[in-house]
Amino acid sequence: MSKEFEYPRDFKGVWIQKEIYLNKNLDATEKILYAEICSLDNEDTDGCVASNEYLANFCQCSARKVSAGISKLIKMGYI
């Protein structure tokens, strides 16, 4: 695995809660972003501490898209 993806995580597979998965107001990247943020929010850390650049690289999108996605997820009450 690449060093750039070595954040500690509570990874047991890909699972996206029904409310996120079926939400037509979220695009696919925002859904994957949510799943990655949840994966990186584990007992060994103080929440998800990954940078927008890391998340952009992981989601294969721009840091600007990540920032907008995080803002949208916060506004919708998911994170």
Protein backbone atom coordinates (compact mmCIF):
# COMPACT_ATOMS: atom_id res chain seq x y z
CA MET A 1 0.00 0.00 0.00
CA SER A 2 1.24 3.47 -0.84
CA LYS A 3 2.59 5.56 2.05
CA GLU A 4 0.15 8.32 1.17
CA PHE A 5 -2.74 6.08 2.30
CA GLU A 6 -1.31 4.92 5.63
CA TYR A 7 -3.51 6.89 8.03
CA PRO A 8 -4.78 4.68 10.87
CA ARG A 9 -8.30 3.61 10.05
CA ASP A 10 -11.10 1.47 11.32
CA PHE A 11 -11.52 -0.21 7.93
CA LYS A 12 -13.74 -3.26 7.65
CA GLY A 13 -14.88 -2.76 4.07
CA VAL A 14 -16.86 -0.15 2.26
CA TRP A 15 -20.18 0.64 3.89
CA ILE A 16 -22.24 3.73 3.32
CA GLN A 17 -25.34 4.21 5.44
CA LYS A 18 -28.65 4.10 3.60
CA GLU A 19 -29.39 7.79 4.15
CA ILE A 20 -26.15 8.74 2.39
CA TYR A 21 -26.24 6.06 -0.32
CA LEU A 22 -29.78 6.90 -1.44
CA ASN A 23 -29.48 10.68 -1.04
CA LYS A 24 -29.93 12.18 -4.50
CA ASN A 25 -28.56 15.51 -3.26
CA LEU A 26 -25.09 13.95 -2.86
CA ASP A 27 -22.98 12.94 -5.83
CA ALA A 28 -20.84 9.79 -5.94
CA THR A 29 -17.66 11.61 -4.89
CA GLU A 30 -19.38 13.11 -1.84
CA LYS A 31 -20.62 9.65 -0.85
CA ILE A 32 -17.11 8.17 -1.12
CA LEU A 33 -15.72 11.19 0.74
CA TYR A 34 -18.17 10.52 3.56
CA ALA A 35 -17.14 6.85 3.69
CA GLU A 36 -13.44 7.76 3.80
CA ILE A 37 -13.94 10.36 6.54
CA CYS A 38 -15.86 7.77 8.60
CA SER A 39 -13.13 5.21 7.97
CA LEU A 40 -10.49 7.60 9.28
CA ASP A 41 -12.53 8.54 12.37
CA ASN A 42 -11.49 5.82 14.80
CA GLU A 43 -10.65 5.29 18.47
CA ASP A 44 -6.92 5.93 17.97
CA THR A 45 -7.34 9.47 16.63
CA ASP A 46 -9.15 12.68 17.47
CA GLY A 47 -11.50 12.22 14.53
CA CYS A 48 -10.52 12.37 10.89
CA VAL A 49 -7.31 14.40 10.66
CA ALA A 50 -6.63 13.85 6.96
CA SER A 51 -5.94 16.93 4.89
CA ASN A 52 -8.10 18.01 1.98
CA GLU A 53 -5.16 17.19 -0.28
CA TYR A 54 -5.01 13.63 1.06
CA LEU A 55 -8.78 13.20 0.62
CA ALA A 56 -8.62 14.69 -2.89
CA ASN A 57 -5.89 12.23 -3.85
CA PHE A 58 -7.86 9.35 -2.35
CA CYS A 59 -11.13 10.36 -4.05
CA GLN A 60 -9.33 11.30 -7.28
CA CYS A 61 -10.75 14.79 -7.35
CA SER A 62 -9.60 18.32 -6.56
CA ALA A 63 -9.01 19.69 -3.05
CA ARG A 64 -11.64 22.30 -3.91
CA LYS A 65 -14.20 19.52 -4.57
CA VAL A 66 -13.28 17.94 -1.21
CA SER A 67 -13.68 21.25 0.60
CA ALA A 68 -17.08 21.82 -0.99
CA GLY A 69 -18.09 18.23 -0.24
CA ILE A 70 -17.09 18.50 3.42
CA SER A 71 -19.02 21.77 3.73
CA LYS A 72 -22.07 20.16 2.16
CA LEU A 73 -21.86 17.08 4.44
CA ILE A 74 -21.57 19.37 7.49
CA LYS A 75 -24.49 21.54 6.34
CA MET A 76 -26.61 18.41 5.84
CA GLY A 77 -25.65 17.17 9.34
CA TYR A 78 -23.80 14.05 8.25
CA ILE A 79 -20.43 15.05 9.71
